[in-house]
Amino acid sequence: MLKIDAFNIIEIIVNLLVLFVAVKLLFFKPILNIIAKRQEEADAQFDEAAKKQAEADALKEQYNNSLADIEEEKRREVAAARKEADEKGRKIVNDAREEAYKVQEKIVAEAKAEKDKIIKSAEKEIADMVVDATTKIVGSKSGAEIDSSLYDEFLGKAGDDK
């Protein structure tokens, strides 16, 4: 049968304790150190990945802000160009209107001057014809008083017709 001896039990307990200490010192401690180092490396890689992700997010935000700024600048420039083009168009139209008005005034003034010139020329021709006709009617009586009075009378009547 199996005999249980106190010395055997103590020897087994001491052997187990020595084995436990040996295993702990030889196996568990190095394995735990390796696991801790790998955990630190993994944590460092996760931290690096988080930093890279944060940098990428910051760059993306900066890109989006730049894009928005560019779009806003484009809108402002288009609006400014449109406004400038409208102003130039209005200026061109106003200049053309002023030029047309000046040309019209010039043409009216020239027409009035031509009309006055034609009227004066006609008055002179008519006056000459009246003097000739009066001379023929009066006959040999020719005097400065007759010519002058007939001329003044004719101009007075001709001026009333206007």
N, C-alpha and C. Protein backbone atom coordinates (compact mmCIF):
# COMPACT_ATOMS: atom_id res chain seq x y z
N MET A 1 0.78 -1.16 0.00
CA MET A 1 0.00 0.00 0.00
C MET A 1 0.83 1.24 0.00
N LEU A 2 0.15 2.22 -0.09
CA LEU A 2 0.83 3.48 -0.19
C LEU A 2 1.06 4.03 1.21
N LYS A 3 2.27 4.31 1.43
CA LYS A 3 2.61 4.85 2.73
C LYS A 3 2.82 6.34 2.61
N ILE A 4 2.26 7.05 3.49
CA ILE A 4 2.45 8.48 3.49
C ILE A 4 3.42 8.77 4.63
N ASP A 5 4.49 9.31 4.18
CA ASP A 5 5.54 9.63 5.12
C ASP A 5 5.66 11.15 5.19
N ALA A 6 5.91 11.68 6.37
CA ALA A 6 6.00 13.12 6.55
C ALA A 6 7.22 13.66 5.82
N PHE A 7 8.28 12.88 5.82
CA PHE A 7 9.48 13.32 5.12
C PHE A 7 9.21 13.42 3.63
N ASN A 8 8.48 12.51 3.06
CA ASN A 8 8.11 12.54 1.64
C ASN A 8 7.25 13.76 1.32
N ILE A 9 6.34 14.06 2.21
CA ILE A 9 5.44 15.19 1.98
C ILE A 9 6.27 16.48 2.03
N ILE A 10 7.16 16.60 2.97
CA ILE A 10 7.97 17.80 3.08
C ILE A 10 8.89 17.88 1.87
N GLU A 11 9.44 16.76 1.46
CA GLU A 11 10.31 16.75 0.29
C GLU A 11 9.53 17.15 -0.97
N ILE A 12 8.32 16.68 -1.09
CA ILE A 12 7.47 17.03 -2.26
C ILE A 12 7.14 18.52 -2.20
N ILE A 13 6.82 19.03 -1.03
CA ILE A 13 6.46 20.45 -0.89
C ILE A 13 7.69 21.30 -1.21
N VAL A 14 8.87 20.92 -0.71
CA VAL A 14 10.08 21.68 -0.98
C VAL A 14 10.40 21.61 -2.47
N ASN A 15 10.28 20.43 -3.06
CA ASN A 15 10.52 20.28 -4.49
C ASN A 15 9.54 21.16 -5.30
N LEU A 16 8.30 21.16 -4.88
CA LEU A 16 7.31 21.99 -5.57
C LEU A 16 7.65 23.49 -5.43
N LEU A 17 8.08 23.88 -4.24
CA LEU A 17 8.43 25.28 -4.03
C LEU A 17 9.67 25.65 -4.85
N VAL A 18 10.66 24.79 -4.88
CA VAL A 18 11.85 25.04 -5.66
C VAL A 18 11.49 25.08 -7.15
N LEU A 19 10.68 24.11 -7.54
CA LEU A 19 10.24 24.08 -8.94
C LEU A 19 9.44 25.34 -9.28
N PHE A 20 8.58 25.75 -8.36
CA PHE A 20 7.79 26.95 -8.60
C PHE A 20 8.69 28.18 -8.72
N VAL A 21 9.66 28.33 -7.83
CA VAL A 21 10.58 29.47 -7.86
C VAL A 21 11.43 29.40 -9.12
N ALA A 22 11.89 28.23 -9.47
CA ALA A 22 12.72 28.07 -10.66
C ALA A 22 11.92 28.41 -11.92
N VAL A 23 10.70 27.89 -11.99
CA VAL A 23 9.85 28.17 -13.15
C VAL A 23 9.54 29.66 -13.20
N LYS A 24 9.25 30.22 -12.02
CA LYS A 24 8.92 31.65 -12.00
C LYS A 24 10.13 32.46 -12.44
N LEU A 25 11.30 32.16 -11.95
CA LEU A 25 12.48 32.93 -12.31
C LEU A 25 12.93 32.65 -13.74
N LEU A 26 12.88 31.41 -14.15
CA LEU A 26 13.40 31.04 -15.45
C LEU A 26 12.39 31.24 -16.59
N PHE A 27 11.13 31.05 -16.33
CA PHE A 27 10.15 31.10 -17.41
C PHE A 27 9.18 32.29 -17.33
N PHE A 28 8.52 32.42 -16.20
CA PHE A 28 7.47 33.44 -16.11
C PHE A 28 8.02 34.86 -16.20
N LYS A 29 9.10 35.14 -15.48
CA LYS A 29 9.64 36.48 -15.48
C LYS A 29 10.11 36.88 -16.88
N PRO A 30 10.91 36.10 -17.61
CA PRO A 30 11.30 36.48 -18.97
C PRO A 30 10.11 36.56 -19.92
N ILE A 31 9.18 35.63 -19.77
CA ILE A 31 7.99 35.67 -20.64
C ILE A 31 7.17 36.93 -20.35
N LEU A 32 7.00 37.26 -19.08
CA LEU A 32 6.26 38.48 -18.74
C LEU A 32 7.00 39.72 -19.24
N ASN A 33 8.34 39.71 -19.17
CA ASN A 33 9.12 40.84 -19.70
C ASN A 33 8.92 40.95 -21.22
N ILE A 34 8.95 39.83 -21.91
CA ILE A 34 8.75 39.84 -23.37
C ILE A 34 7.34 40.35 -23.69
N ILE A 35 6.35 39.86 -22.95
CA ILE A 35 4.97 40.29 -23.17
C ILE A 35 4.85 41.80 -22.88
N ALA A 36 5.49 42.30 -21.83
CA ALA A 36 5.43 43.73 -21.49
C ALA A 36 6.09 44.57 -22.58
N LYS A 37 7.25 44.08 -23.10
CA LYS A 37 7.91 44.81 -24.17
C LYS A 37 7.04 44.85 -25.42
N ARG A 38 6.46 43.71 -25.75
CA ARG A 38 5.58 43.68 -26.94
C ARG A 38 4.35 44.57 -26.73
N GLN A 39 3.85 44.58 -25.51
CA GLN A 39 2.70 45.45 -25.22
C GLN A 39 3.11 46.92 -25.37
N GLU A 40 4.31 47.27 -24.90
CA GLU A 40 4.81 48.64 -25.05
C GLU A 40 4.97 49.00 -26.53
N GLU A 41 5.51 48.06 -27.31
CA GLU A 41 5.67 48.30 -28.75
C GLU A 41 4.31 48.48 -29.42
N ALA A 42 3.36 47.62 -29.03
CA ALA A 42 2.02 47.74 -29.60
C ALA A 42 1.38 49.07 -29.20
N ASP A 43 1.55 49.46 -27.93
CA ASP A 43 1.01 50.76 -27.47
C ASP A 43 1.68 51.92 -28.21
N ALA A 44 2.99 51.80 -28.42
CA ALA A 44 3.71 52.84 -29.15
C ALA A 44 3.20 52.93 -30.59
N GLN A 45 2.95 51.79 -31.20
CA GLN A 45 2.43 51.78 -32.57
C GLN A 45 1.01 52.37 -32.62
N PHE A 46 0.20 52.03 -31.61
CA PHE A 46 -1.15 52.61 -31.56
C PHE A 46 -1.09 54.13 -31.34
N ASP A 47 -0.17 54.56 -30.46
CA ASP A 47 -0.01 56.00 -30.24
C ASP A 47 0.46 56.70 -31.52
N GLU A 48 1.42 56.07 -32.21
CA GLU A 48 1.92 56.64 -33.47
C GLU A 48 0.80 56.70 -34.50
N ALA A 49 0.00 55.64 -34.57
CA ALA A 49 -1.13 55.62 -35.51
C ALA A 49 -2.14 56.70 -35.15
N ALA A 50 -2.38 56.90 -33.85
CA ALA A 50 -3.31 57.94 -33.42
C ALA A 50 -2.78 59.32 -33.78
N LYS A 51 -1.45 59.52 -33.60
CA LYS A 51 -0.84 60.80 -33.98
C LYS A 51 -0.96 61.04 -35.48
N LYS A 52 -0.67 59.99 -36.26
CA LYS A 52 -0.77 60.11 -37.72
C LYS A 52 -2.22 60.41 -38.13
N GLN A 53 -3.16 59.75 -37.47
CA GLN A 53 -4.58 60.00 -37.77
C GLN A 53 -4.95 61.44 -37.42
N ALA A 54 -4.46 61.92 -36.28
CA ALA A 54 -4.74 63.31 -35.87
C ALA A 54 -4.12 64.28 -36.87
N GLU A 55 -2.88 64.00 -37.31
CA GLU A 55 -2.24 64.85 -38.31
C GLU A 55 -3.02 64.83 -39.62
N ALA A 56 -3.45 63.64 -40.01
CA ALA A 56 -4.23 63.52 -41.25
C ALA A 56 -5.55 64.29 -41.13
N ASP A 57 -6.20 64.19 -39.97
CA ASP A 57 -7.46 64.93 -39.77
C ASP A 57 -7.20 66.43 -39.80
N ALA A 58 -6.07 66.87 -39.18
CA ALA A 58 -5.74 68.30 -39.18
C ALA A 58 -5.46 68.77 -40.61
N LEU A 59 -4.72 67.98 -41.38
CA LEU A 59 -4.45 68.34 -42.76
C LEU A 59 -5.73 68.37 -43.60
N LYS A 60 -6.61 67.41 -43.34
CA LYS A 60 -7.88 67.39 -44.06
C LYS A 60 -8.70 68.64 -43.72
N GLU A 61 -8.73 69.00 -42.46
CA GLU A 61 -9.47 70.21 -42.04
C GLU A 61 -8.84 71.45 -42.67
N GLN A 62 -7.51 71.50 -42.67
CA GLN A 62 -6.82 72.63 -43.29
C GLN A 62 -7.12 72.69 -44.78
N TYR A 63 -7.13 71.55 -45.44
CA TYR A 63 -7.46 71.49 -46.87
C TYR A 63 -8.89 71.97 -47.11
N ASN A 64 -9.82 71.49 -46.29
CA ASN A 64 -11.21 71.92 -46.45
C ASN A 64 -11.37 73.42 -46.21
N ASN A 65 -10.65 73.95 -45.21
CA ASN A 65 -10.70 75.39 -44.95
C ASN A 65 -10.11 76.17 -46.12
N SER A 66 -8.98 75.67 -46.64
CA SER A 66 -8.36 76.34 -47.78
C SER A 66 -9.29 76.31 -48.98
N LEU A 67 -9.92 75.18 -49.20
CA LEU A 67 -10.86 75.04 -50.31
C LEU A 67 -12.03 76.00 -50.15
N ALA A 68 -12.54 76.10 -48.94
CA ALA A 68 -13.65 77.03 -48.68
C ALA A 68 -13.19 78.47 -48.89
N ASP A 69 -11.97 78.80 -48.45
CA ASP A 69 -11.45 80.15 -48.65
C ASP A 69 -11.28 80.45 -50.13
N ILE A 70 -10.80 79.48 -50.87
CA ILE A 70 -10.62 79.66 -52.32
C ILE A 70 -11.97 79.87 -52.99
N GLU A 71 -12.96 79.09 -52.61
CA GLU A 71 -14.30 79.25 -53.18
C GLU A 71 -14.87 80.63 -52.85
N GLU A 72 -14.68 81.08 -51.62
CA GLU A 72 -15.18 82.40 -51.22
C GLU A 72 -14.46 83.50 -52.00
N GLU A 73 -13.13 83.36 -52.14
CA GLU A 73 -12.36 84.34 -52.90
C GLU A 73 -12.82 84.36 -54.36
N LYS A 74 -13.09 83.17 -54.91
CA LYS A 74 -13.57 83.09 -56.29
C LYS A 74 -14.92 83.81 -56.43
N ARG A 75 -15.80 83.58 -55.47
CA ARG A 75 -17.12 84.24 -55.51
C ARG A 75 -16.96 85.76 -55.44
N ARG A 76 -16.06 86.23 -54.54
CA ARG A 76 -15.85 87.67 -54.43
C ARG A 76 -15.27 88.26 -55.71
N GLU A 77 -14.31 87.55 -56.31
CA GLU A 77 -13.70 88.06 -57.54
C GLU A 77 -14.71 88.08 -58.68
N VAL A 78 -15.55 87.05 -58.77
CA VAL A 78 -16.57 87.03 -59.82
C VAL A 78 -17.56 88.17 -59.61
N ALA A 79 -17.96 88.38 -58.36
CA ALA A 79 -18.89 89.47 -58.06
C ALA A 79 -18.25 90.83 -58.38
N ALA A 80 -16.98 90.98 -58.03
CA ALA A 80 -16.28 92.24 -58.32
C ALA A 80 -16.15 92.45 -59.82
N ALA A 81 -15.82 91.38 -60.55
CA ALA A 81 -15.69 91.49 -62.01
C ALA A 81 -17.04 91.83 -62.63
N ARG A 82 -18.11 91.20 -62.13
CA ARG A 82 -19.44 91.49 -62.64
C ARG A 82 -19.81 92.95 -62.39
N LYS A 83 -19.52 93.41 -61.17
CA LYS A 83 -19.83 94.79 -60.82
C LYS A 83 -19.04 95.76 -61.70
N GLU A 84 -17.76 95.45 -61.89
CA GLU A 84 -16.92 96.31 -62.72
C GLU A 84 -17.42 96.32 -64.17
N ALA A 85 -17.81 95.15 -64.67
CA ALA A 85 -18.32 95.07 -66.04
C ALA A 85 -19.62 95.86 -66.17
N ASP A 86 -20.49 95.75 -65.16
CA ASP A 86 -21.75 96.52 -65.18
C ASP A 86 -21.46 98.01 -65.18
N GLU A 87 -20.51 98.43 -64.34
CA GLU A 87 -20.17 99.85 -64.28
C GLU A 87 -19.59 100.33 -65.61
N LYS A 88 -18.71 99.52 -66.20
CA LYS A 88 -18.13 99.90 -67.49
C LYS A 88 -19.22 99.96 -68.56
N GLY A 89 -20.13 98.99 -68.52
CA GLY A 89 -21.23 99.00 -69.48
C GLY A 89 -22.10 100.25 -69.34
N ARG A 90 -22.42 100.58 -68.09
CA ARG A 90 -23.22 101.79 -67.86
C ARG A 90 -22.46 103.03 -68.32
N LYS A 91 -21.15 103.06 -68.05
CA LYS A 91 -20.35 104.21 -68.47
C LYS A 91 -20.33 104.33 -69.99
N ILE A 92 -20.16 103.20 -70.67
CA ILE A 92 -20.15 103.21 -72.13
C ILE A 92 -21.48 103.71 -72.67
N VAL A 93 -22.58 103.21 -72.09
CA VAL A 93 -23.91 103.64 -72.54
C VAL A 93 -24.11 105.13 -72.26
N ASN A 94 -23.70 105.58 -71.07
CA ASN A 94 -23.85 107.00 -70.74
C ASN A 94 -22.99 107.87 -71.65
N ASP A 95 -21.76 107.42 -71.92
CA ASP A 95 -20.90 108.17 -72.84
C ASP A 95 -21.51 108.23 -74.23
N ALA A 96 -22.07 107.10 -74.68
CA ALA A 96 -22.70 107.07 -76.00
C ALA A 96 -23.92 108.01 -76.04
N ARG A 97 -24.69 108.02 -74.95
CA ARG A 97 -25.86 108.92 -74.90
C ARG A 97 -25.41 110.38 -74.95
N GLU A 98 -24.36 110.69 -74.15
CA GLU A 98 -23.85 112.06 -74.15
C GLU A 98 -23.34 112.45 -75.53
N GLU A 99 -22.62 111.53 -76.16
CA GLU A 99 -22.09 111.81 -77.50
C GLU A 99 -23.23 112.00 -78.50
N ALA A 100 -24.26 111.14 -78.39
CA ALA A 100 -25.41 111.28 -79.29
C ALA A 100 -26.12 112.61 -79.04
N TYR A 101 -26.25 113.01 -77.78
CA TYR A 101 -26.89 114.27 -77.46
C TYR A 101 -26.08 115.44 -78.02
N LYS A 102 -24.75 115.36 -77.88
CA LYS A 102 -23.90 116.42 -78.43
C LYS A 102 -24.01 116.49 -79.94
N VAL A 103 -24.01 115.31 -80.57
CA VAL A 103 -24.13 115.27 -82.04
C VAL A 103 -25.48 115.84 -82.45
N GLN A 104 -26.52 115.47 -81.71
CA GLN A 104 -27.86 115.98 -82.03
C GLN A 104 -27.90 117.50 -81.87
N GLU A 105 -27.34 118.00 -80.77
CA GLU A 105 -27.31 119.46 -80.57
C GLU A 105 -26.53 120.15 -81.68
N LYS A 106 -25.41 119.54 -82.07
CA LYS A 106 -24.60 120.12 -83.14
C LYS A 106 -25.37 120.15 -84.44
N ILE A 107 -26.05 119.04 -84.74
CA ILE A 107 -26.84 118.97 -85.99
C ILE A 107 -27.97 119.99 -85.95
N VAL A 108 -28.63 120.12 -84.81
CA VAL A 108 -29.72 121.10 -84.69
C VAL A 108 -29.16 122.51 -84.86
N ALA A 109 -28.02 122.78 -84.24
CA ALA A 109 -27.41 124.11 -84.36
C ALA A 109 -27.00 124.39 -85.80
N GLU A 110 -26.41 123.38 -86.45
CA GLU A 110 -26.02 123.54 -87.85
C GLU A 110 -27.25 123.76 -88.73
N ALA A 111 -28.32 122.98 -88.45
CA ALA A 111 -29.54 123.13 -89.24
C ALA A 111 -30.15 124.53 -89.04
N LYS A 112 -30.13 125.00 -87.79
CA LYS A 112 -30.67 126.33 -87.52
C LYS A 112 -29.83 127.40 -88.21
N ALA A 113 -28.50 127.23 -88.14
CA ALA A 113 -27.61 128.19 -88.80
C ALA A 113 -27.85 128.17 -90.31
N GLU A 114 -27.99 126.99 -90.87
CA GLU A 114 -28.25 126.86 -92.33
C GLU A 114 -29.59 127.50 -92.68
N LYS A 115 -30.59 127.25 -91.80
CA LYS A 115 -31.91 127.84 -92.03
C LYS A 115 -31.81 129.36 -92.01
N ASP A 116 -31.11 129.91 -90.97
CA ASP A 116 -30.96 131.36 -90.88
C ASP A 116 -30.21 131.90 -92.11
N LYS A 117 -29.19 131.18 -92.55
CA LYS A 117 -28.42 131.59 -93.72
C LYS A 117 -29.30 131.60 -94.96
N ILE A 118 -30.12 130.55 -95.11
CA ILE A 118 -31.01 130.48 -96.28
C ILE A 118 -32.04 131.61 -96.23
N ILE A 119 -32.57 131.85 -95.02
CA ILE A 119 -33.58 132.92 -94.88
C ILE A 119 -32.95 134.27 -95.21
N LYS A 120 -31.76 134.55 -94.71
CA LYS A 120 -31.11 135.83 -95.00
C LYS A 120 -30.81 135.96 -96.49
N SER A 121 -30.35 134.86 -97.07
CA SER A 121 -30.07 134.89 -98.51
C SER A 121 -31.35 135.16 -99.29
N ALA A 122 -32.44 134.48 -98.87
CA ALA A 122 -33.72 134.69 -99.55
C ALA A 122 -34.21 136.13 -99.35
N GLU A 123 -34.04 136.67 -98.14
CA GLU A 123 -34.45 138.04 -97.88
C GLU A 123 -33.68 139.02 -98.77
N LYS A 124 -32.37 138.76 -98.90
CA LYS A 124 -31.56 139.64 -99.73
C LYS A 124 -32.01 139.57 -101.19
N GLU A 125 -32.24 138.33 -101.68
CA GLU A 125 -32.68 138.18 -103.07
C GLU A 125 -34.04 138.84 -103.28
N ILE A 126 -34.92 138.64 -102.31
CA ILE A 126 -36.26 139.23 -102.44
C ILE A 126 -36.15 140.75 -102.39
N ALA A 127 -35.31 141.26 -101.51
CA ALA A 127 -35.14 142.71 -101.41
C ALA A 127 -34.59 143.27 -102.71
N ASP A 128 -33.62 142.56 -103.30
CA ASP A 128 -33.07 143.01 -104.58
C ASP A 128 -34.16 142.99 -105.65
N MET A 129 -34.98 141.94 -105.65
CA MET A 129 -36.04 141.84 -106.65
C MET A 129 -37.07 142.96 -106.43
N VAL A 130 -37.38 143.25 -105.16
CA VAL A 130 -38.35 144.31 -104.87
C VAL A 130 -37.80 145.65 -105.33
N VAL A 131 -36.53 145.89 -105.05
CA VAL A 131 -35.93 147.16 -105.47
C VAL A 131 -35.97 147.26 -106.99
N ASP A 132 -35.63 146.17 -107.67
CA ASP A 132 -35.68 146.19 -109.13
C ASP A 132 -37.12 146.42 -109.62
N ALA A 133 -38.05 145.73 -109.02
CA ALA A 133 -39.45 145.88 -109.44
C ALA A 133 -39.96 147.29 -109.15
N THR A 134 -39.60 147.82 -108.02
CA THR A 134 -40.05 149.15 -107.64
C THR A 134 -39.45 150.18 -108.58
N THR A 135 -38.20 149.97 -108.92
CA THR A 135 -37.55 150.90 -109.83
C THR A 135 -38.26 150.88 -111.17
N LYS A 136 -38.63 149.72 -111.62
CA LYS A 136 -39.32 149.62 -112.89
C LYS A 136 -40.71 150.26 -112.79
N ILE A 137 -41.39 150.06 -111.63
CA ILE A 137 -42.74 150.61 -111.47
C ILE A 137 -42.68 152.12 -111.31
N VAL A 138 -41.84 152.62 -110.50
CA VAL A 138 -41.76 154.04 -110.23
C VAL A 138 -41.22 154.77 -111.47
N GLY A 139 -40.46 154.08 -112.17
CA GLY A 139 -39.95 154.68 -113.39
C GLY A 139 -38.62 155.32 -113.15
N SER A 140 -38.59 156.56 -113.58
CA SER A 140 -37.31 157.25 -113.52
C SER A 140 -37.04 157.83 -112.13
N LYS A 141 -38.05 157.82 -111.28
CA LYS A 141 -37.82 158.35 -109.94
C LYS A 141 -36.99 157.32 -109.16
N SER A 142 -35.86 157.59 -108.91
CA SER A 142 -35.04 156.69 -108.08
C SER A 142 -34.36 157.54 -107.04
N GLY A 143 -34.63 157.21 -105.90
CA GLY A 143 -33.99 157.95 -104.83
C GLY A 143 -33.71 157.03 -103.66
N ALA A 144 -32.86 157.49 -102.88
CA ALA A 144 -32.46 156.68 -101.74
C ALA A 144 -33.61 156.56 -100.75
N GLU A 145 -34.45 157.58 -100.67
CA GLU A 145 -35.56 157.54 -99.74
C GLU A 145 -36.59 156.51 -100.16
N ILE A 146 -36.88 156.44 -101.42
CA ILE A 146 -37.87 155.48 -101.92
C ILE A 146 -37.36 154.06 -101.71
N ASP A 147 -36.11 153.81 -102.08
CA ASP A 147 -35.53 152.47 -101.93
C ASP A 147 -35.52 152.06 -100.46
N SER A 148 -35.11 152.95 -99.62
CA SER A 148 -34.98 152.65 -98.20
C SER A 148 -36.34 152.40 -97.58
N SER A 149 -37.34 153.24 -97.89
CA SER A 149 -38.67 153.07 -97.29
C SER A 149 -39.31 151.79 -97.79
N LEU A 150 -39.18 151.47 -99.08
CA LEU A 150 -39.74 150.22 -99.60
C LEU A 150 -39.07 149.00 -98.96
N TYR A 151 -37.79 149.07 -98.83
CA TYR A 151 -37.04 147.95 -98.24
C TYR A 151 -37.46 147.73 -96.79
N ASP A 152 -37.56 148.79 -96.00
CA ASP A 152 -37.95 148.69 -94.60
C ASP A 152 -39.37 148.15 -94.48
N GLU A 153 -40.25 148.61 -95.35
CA GLU A 153 -41.64 148.14 -95.33
C GLU A 153 -41.69 146.66 -95.66
N PHE A 154 -40.91 146.23 -96.66
CA PHE A 154 -40.89 144.82 -97.05
C PHE A 154 -40.37 143.94 -95.91
N LEU A 155 -39.30 144.39 -95.27
CA LEU A 155 -38.73 143.60 -94.15
C LEU A 155 -39.68 143.55 -92.99
N GLY A 156 -40.39 144.60 -92.74
CA GLY A 156 -41.37 144.61 -91.66
C GLY A 156 -42.49 143.61 -91.92
N LYS A 157 -42.97 143.58 -93.16
CA LYS A 157 -44.02 142.62 -93.50
C LYS A 157 -43.48 141.19 -93.52
N ALA A 158 -42.30 141.01 -94.01
CA ALA A 158 -41.69 139.67 -94.06
C ALA A 158 -41.41 139.17 -92.65
N GLY A 159 -41.06 140.06 -91.73
CA GLY A 159 -40.76 139.67 -90.34
C GLY A 159 -42.02 139.27 -89.61
N ASP A 160 -43.18 139.83 -89.99
CA ASP A 160 -44.45 139.49 -89.34
C ASP A 160 -44.89 138.09 -89.68
N ASP A 161 -44.48 137.56 -90.82
CA ASP A 161 -44.91 136.23 -91.27
C ASP A 161 -44.26 135.12 -90.45
N LYS A 162 -43.17 135.40 -89.86
CA LYS A 162 -42.44 134.37 -89.09
C LYS A 162 -43.28 134.01 -87.94
